[in-house]
Amino acid sequence: MLAAFAEAGSWGWLDKRTISMVLAEVILLVLCVKRELGLEFPLLNFSVLAHQRFTYSITLNVVLSIALYSGAFLMQSCEGDCKLDCMMLEHL
């Protein structure tokens, strides 16, 4: 997935190469998960996602990480001004 997201900025999000790369990566991810679920001793144990608390904690962790890093990228766009004022005024 990282390769498609890295190239999407220069290729464009709706470019054939970007869309085909994302589709190929999703298909490979699905095949990998299916294979791992069928093995007796998987390298990645996806059965832990059946526990509701674990799945919620992983989801919350992903959301908070995205918020943290997106805030850091927003701060980079502010040059010379007070960072808090810049974020509050320019990005609303």
N, C-alpha and C. Protein backbone atom coordinates (compact mmCIF):
# COMPACT_ATOMS: atom_id res chain seq x y z
N MET A 1 0.81 -1.19 0.00
CA MET A 1 0.00 0.00 0.00
C MET A 1 0.86 1.26 0.00
N LEU A 2 1.98 1.20 0.65
CA LEU A 2 2.81 2.39 0.75
C LEU A 2 3.31 2.86 -0.60
N ALA A 3 3.61 1.94 -1.49
CA ALA A 3 4.11 2.32 -2.82
C ALA A 3 3.04 3.09 -3.58
N ALA A 4 1.80 2.64 -3.53
CA ALA A 4 0.72 3.33 -4.23
C ALA A 4 0.50 4.72 -3.65
N PHE A 5 0.51 4.84 -2.33
CA PHE A 5 0.30 6.15 -1.71
C PHE A 5 1.47 7.07 -1.96
N ALA A 6 2.66 6.54 -2.03
CA ALA A 6 3.84 7.37 -2.29
C ALA A 6 3.83 7.91 -3.71
N GLU A 7 3.40 7.12 -4.66
CA GLU A 7 3.40 7.54 -6.06
C GLU A 7 2.14 8.30 -6.46
N ALA A 8 1.09 8.22 -5.67
CA ALA A 8 -0.17 8.87 -6.02
C ALA A 8 -0.02 10.39 -6.12
N GLY A 9 0.89 10.97 -5.37
CA GLY A 9 1.09 12.41 -5.44
C GLY A 9 1.60 12.87 -6.79
N SER A 10 2.46 12.07 -7.40
CA SER A 10 2.99 12.45 -8.71
C SER A 10 2.16 11.90 -9.87
N TRP A 11 1.58 10.72 -9.70
CA TRP A 11 0.78 10.12 -10.76
C TRP A 11 -0.63 10.68 -10.79
N GLY A 12 -1.16 11.01 -9.62
CA GLY A 12 -2.56 11.40 -9.49
C GLY A 12 -3.35 10.24 -8.90
N TRP A 13 -4.35 10.56 -8.08
CA TRP A 13 -5.10 9.52 -7.39
C TRP A 13 -5.97 8.69 -8.32
N LEU A 14 -6.40 9.27 -9.42
CA LEU A 14 -7.28 8.54 -10.34
C LEU A 14 -6.54 8.00 -11.56
N ASP A 15 -5.21 8.02 -11.52
CA ASP A 15 -4.42 7.48 -12.61
C ASP A 15 -4.55 5.95 -12.63
N LYS A 16 -4.46 5.38 -13.83
CA LYS A 16 -4.59 3.92 -13.97
C LYS A 16 -3.53 3.18 -13.17
N ARG A 17 -2.32 3.71 -13.13
CA ARG A 17 -1.24 3.04 -12.39
C ARG A 17 -1.53 3.01 -10.89
N THR A 18 -2.02 4.13 -10.37
CA THR A 18 -2.32 4.18 -8.93
C THR A 18 -3.45 3.23 -8.57
N ILE A 19 -4.52 3.27 -9.34
CA ILE A 19 -5.68 2.42 -9.05
C ILE A 19 -5.31 0.94 -9.20
N SER A 20 -4.57 0.60 -10.25
CA SER A 20 -4.20 -0.80 -10.44
C SER A 20 -3.25 -1.28 -9.34
N MET A 21 -2.36 -0.40 -8.87
CA MET A 21 -1.45 -0.79 -7.81
C MET A 21 -2.20 -1.02 -6.50
N VAL A 22 -3.17 -0.16 -6.21
CA VAL A 22 -3.98 -0.33 -4.99
C VAL A 22 -4.79 -1.62 -5.08
N LEU A 23 -5.41 -1.87 -6.23
CA LEU A 23 -6.18 -3.11 -6.38
C LEU A 23 -5.30 -4.35 -6.24
N ALA A 24 -4.12 -4.32 -6.86
CA ALA A 24 -3.21 -5.46 -6.75
C ALA A 24 -2.78 -5.68 -5.30
N GLU A 25 -2.52 -4.60 -4.59
CA GLU A 25 -2.09 -4.74 -3.19
C GLU A 25 -3.22 -5.25 -2.30
N VAL A 26 -4.45 -4.82 -2.57
CA VAL A 26 -5.59 -5.31 -1.79
C VAL A 26 -5.80 -6.80 -2.06
N ILE A 27 -5.70 -7.20 -3.32
CA ILE A 27 -5.86 -8.63 -3.66
C ILE A 27 -4.77 -9.46 -2.98
N LEU A 28 -3.53 -8.99 -3.02
CA LEU A 28 -2.44 -9.72 -2.36
C LEU A 28 -2.64 -9.77 -0.85
N LEU A 29 -3.15 -8.70 -0.27
CA LEU A 29 -3.42 -8.70 1.18
C LEU A 29 -4.49 -9.71 1.54
N VAL A 30 -5.56 -9.77 0.75
CA VAL A 30 -6.63 -10.74 1.00
C VAL A 30 -6.11 -12.17 0.88
N LEU A 31 -5.32 -12.43 -0.15
CA LEU A 31 -4.74 -13.77 -0.32
C LEU A 31 -3.82 -14.13 0.84
N CYS A 32 -3.03 -13.17 1.31
CA CYS A 32 -2.13 -13.43 2.43
C CYS A 32 -2.92 -13.75 3.70
N VAL A 33 -3.98 -12.99 3.97
CA VAL A 33 -4.79 -13.24 5.16
C VAL A 33 -5.47 -14.60 5.07
N LYS A 34 -6.03 -14.92 3.90
CA LYS A 34 -6.67 -16.24 3.74
C LYS A 34 -5.69 -17.37 3.97
N ARG A 35 -4.49 -17.21 3.43
CA ARG A 35 -3.46 -18.26 3.61
C ARG A 35 -3.08 -18.40 5.07
N GLU A 36 -2.88 -17.29 5.75
CA GLU A 36 -2.48 -17.34 7.16
C GLU A 36 -3.58 -17.94 8.03
N LEU A 37 -4.84 -17.67 7.71
CA LEU A 37 -5.93 -18.25 8.49
C LEU A 37 -6.04 -19.76 8.30
N GLY A 38 -5.57 -20.26 7.17
CA GLY A 38 -5.66 -21.69 6.89
C GLY A 38 -4.50 -22.51 7.44
N LEU A 39 -3.44 -21.87 7.89
CA LEU A 39 -2.27 -22.59 8.39
C LEU A 39 -2.44 -22.99 9.84
N GLU A 40 -1.80 -24.10 10.20
CA GLU A 40 -1.86 -24.56 11.59
C GLU A 40 -1.04 -23.64 12.51
N PHE A 41 0.13 -23.22 12.04
CA PHE A 41 0.99 -22.32 12.80
C PHE A 41 1.29 -21.07 11.97
N PRO A 42 0.37 -20.10 11.97
CA PRO A 42 0.55 -18.91 11.12
C PRO A 42 1.62 -17.97 11.67
N LEU A 43 2.25 -17.23 10.76
CA LEU A 43 3.20 -16.21 11.18
C LEU A 43 2.47 -15.02 11.80
N LEU A 44 1.33 -14.67 11.24
CA LEU A 44 0.48 -13.60 11.78
C LEU A 44 -0.82 -14.22 12.25
N ASN A 45 -1.08 -14.15 13.53
CA ASN A 45 -2.26 -14.80 14.09
C ASN A 45 -3.45 -13.84 14.04
N PHE A 46 -4.23 -13.94 12.98
CA PHE A 46 -5.38 -13.06 12.80
C PHE A 46 -6.57 -13.47 13.66
N SER A 47 -6.51 -14.59 14.30
CA SER A 47 -7.63 -15.02 15.13
C SER A 47 -7.79 -14.14 16.37
N VAL A 48 -6.77 -13.38 16.72
CA VAL A 48 -6.91 -12.47 17.88
C VAL A 48 -7.89 -11.34 17.57
N LEU A 49 -8.15 -11.08 16.30
CA LEU A 49 -9.11 -10.04 15.94
C LEU A 49 -10.55 -10.44 16.26
N ALA A 50 -10.75 -11.70 16.61
CA ALA A 50 -12.08 -12.15 17.01
C ALA A 50 -12.46 -11.61 18.39
N HIS A 51 -11.46 -11.23 19.18
CA HIS A 51 -11.72 -10.65 20.50
C HIS A 51 -12.05 -9.17 20.32
N GLN A 52 -13.25 -8.79 20.76
CA GLN A 52 -13.77 -7.45 20.51
C GLN A 52 -12.91 -6.35 21.13
N ARG A 53 -12.45 -6.53 22.35
CA ARG A 53 -11.64 -5.50 23.01
C ARG A 53 -10.32 -5.28 22.27
N PHE A 54 -9.71 -6.35 21.81
CA PHE A 54 -8.45 -6.22 21.08
C PHE A 54 -8.66 -5.46 19.77
N THR A 55 -9.72 -5.79 19.06
CA THR A 55 -10.01 -5.12 17.78
C THR A 55 -10.29 -3.65 18.02
N TYR A 56 -11.05 -3.30 19.05
CA TYR A 56 -11.31 -1.89 19.35
C TYR A 56 -10.03 -1.15 19.71
N SER A 57 -9.16 -1.78 20.46
CA SER A 57 -7.92 -1.10 20.85
C SER A 57 -7.01 -0.87 19.65
N ILE A 58 -6.96 -1.83 18.74
CA ILE A 58 -6.17 -1.65 17.51
C ILE A 58 -6.76 -0.53 16.66
N THR A 59 -8.08 -0.51 16.51
CA THR A 59 -8.74 0.53 15.72
C THR A 59 -8.50 1.91 16.34
N LEU A 60 -8.61 2.02 17.63
CA LEU A 60 -8.37 3.30 18.31
C LEU A 60 -6.91 3.73 18.14
N ASN A 61 -6.00 2.80 18.22
CA ASN A 61 -4.59 3.10 18.04
C ASN A 61 -4.32 3.63 16.63
N VAL A 62 -4.93 3.04 15.62
CA VAL A 62 -4.75 3.50 14.24
C VAL A 62 -5.31 4.91 14.07
N VAL A 63 -6.50 5.17 14.61
CA VAL A 63 -7.12 6.50 14.49
C VAL A 63 -6.27 7.56 15.18
N LEU A 64 -5.79 7.27 16.38
CA LEU A 64 -4.97 8.24 17.10
C LEU A 64 -3.63 8.47 16.42
N SER A 65 -3.04 7.44 15.84
CA SER A 65 -1.78 7.60 15.12
C SER A 65 -1.96 8.47 13.88
N ILE A 66 -3.04 8.26 13.16
CA ILE A 66 -3.31 9.09 11.99
C ILE A 66 -3.51 10.55 12.42
N ALA A 67 -4.23 10.77 13.50
CA ALA A 67 -4.44 12.14 13.98
C ALA A 67 -3.13 12.79 14.40
N LEU A 68 -2.28 12.04 15.05
CA LEU A 68 -0.99 12.58 15.49
C LEU A 68 -0.13 12.99 14.31
N TYR A 69 0.00 12.12 13.34
CA TYR A 69 0.87 12.42 12.19
C TYR A 69 0.26 13.47 11.27
N SER A 70 -1.06 13.49 11.12
CA SER A 70 -1.66 14.53 10.29
C SER A 70 -1.50 15.89 10.94
N GLY A 71 -1.53 15.95 12.26
CA GLY A 71 -1.27 17.21 12.96
C GLY A 71 0.14 17.69 12.73
N ALA A 72 1.09 16.78 12.69
CA ALA A 72 2.49 17.15 12.43
C ALA A 72 2.64 17.70 11.01
N PHE A 73 1.94 17.12 10.04
CA PHE A 73 2.01 17.62 8.67
C PHE A 73 1.35 18.99 8.54
N LEU A 74 0.27 19.21 9.27
CA LEU A 74 -0.37 20.53 9.25
C LEU A 74 0.55 21.60 9.84
N MET A 75 1.29 21.23 10.86
CA MET A 75 2.20 22.18 11.49
C MET A 75 3.33 22.58 10.54
N GLN A 76 3.72 21.72 9.61
CA GLN A 76 4.79 22.05 8.68
C GLN A 76 4.38 23.12 7.69
N SER A 77 3.07 23.26 7.45
CA SER A 77 2.61 24.24 6.48
C SER A 77 2.60 25.66 7.05
N CYS A 78 2.80 25.81 8.33
CA CYS A 78 2.82 27.13 8.97
C CYS A 78 4.26 27.64 9.02
N GLU A 79 4.51 28.75 8.35
CA GLU A 79 5.86 29.28 8.31
C GLU A 79 5.93 30.62 9.02
N GLY A 80 6.68 30.70 10.09
CA GLY A 80 6.94 31.96 10.77
C GLY A 80 5.88 32.41 11.75
N ASP A 81 4.65 32.00 11.59
CA ASP A 81 3.59 32.42 12.49
C ASP A 81 3.57 31.53 13.72
N CYS A 82 2.77 31.93 14.68
CA CYS A 82 2.53 31.06 15.84
C CYS A 82 1.83 29.81 15.32
N LYS A 83 2.36 28.66 15.63
CA LYS A 83 1.86 27.40 15.07
C LYS A 83 0.39 27.17 15.41
N LEU A 84 -0.01 27.45 16.64
CA LEU A 84 -1.40 27.22 17.04
C LEU A 84 -2.35 28.15 16.30
N ASP A 85 -1.98 29.43 16.18
CA ASP A 85 -2.83 30.37 15.43
C ASP A 85 -2.93 29.97 13.98
N CYS A 86 -1.84 29.55 13.39
CA CYS A 86 -1.83 29.14 11.99
C CYS A 86 -2.76 27.96 11.77
N MET A 87 -2.69 26.96 12.63
CA MET A 87 -3.54 25.78 12.47
C MET A 87 -5.00 26.12 12.65
N MET A 88 -5.31 26.97 13.62
CA MET A 88 -6.70 27.28 13.92
C MET A 88 -7.33 28.16 12.84
N LEU A 89 -6.57 29.07 12.26
CA LEU A 89 -7.13 30.01 11.30
C LEU A 89 -7.11 29.50 9.87
N GLU A 90 -6.03 28.88 9.46
CA GLU A 90 -5.89 28.50 8.06
C GLU A 90 -6.58 27.20 7.71
N HIS A 91 -6.73 26.31 8.63
CA HIS A 91 -7.21 24.98 8.29
C HIS A 91 -8.62 24.70 8.76
N LEU A 92 -9.38 25.73 9.05
CA LEU A 92 -10.77 25.51 9.43
C LEU A 92 -11.68 25.62 8.24
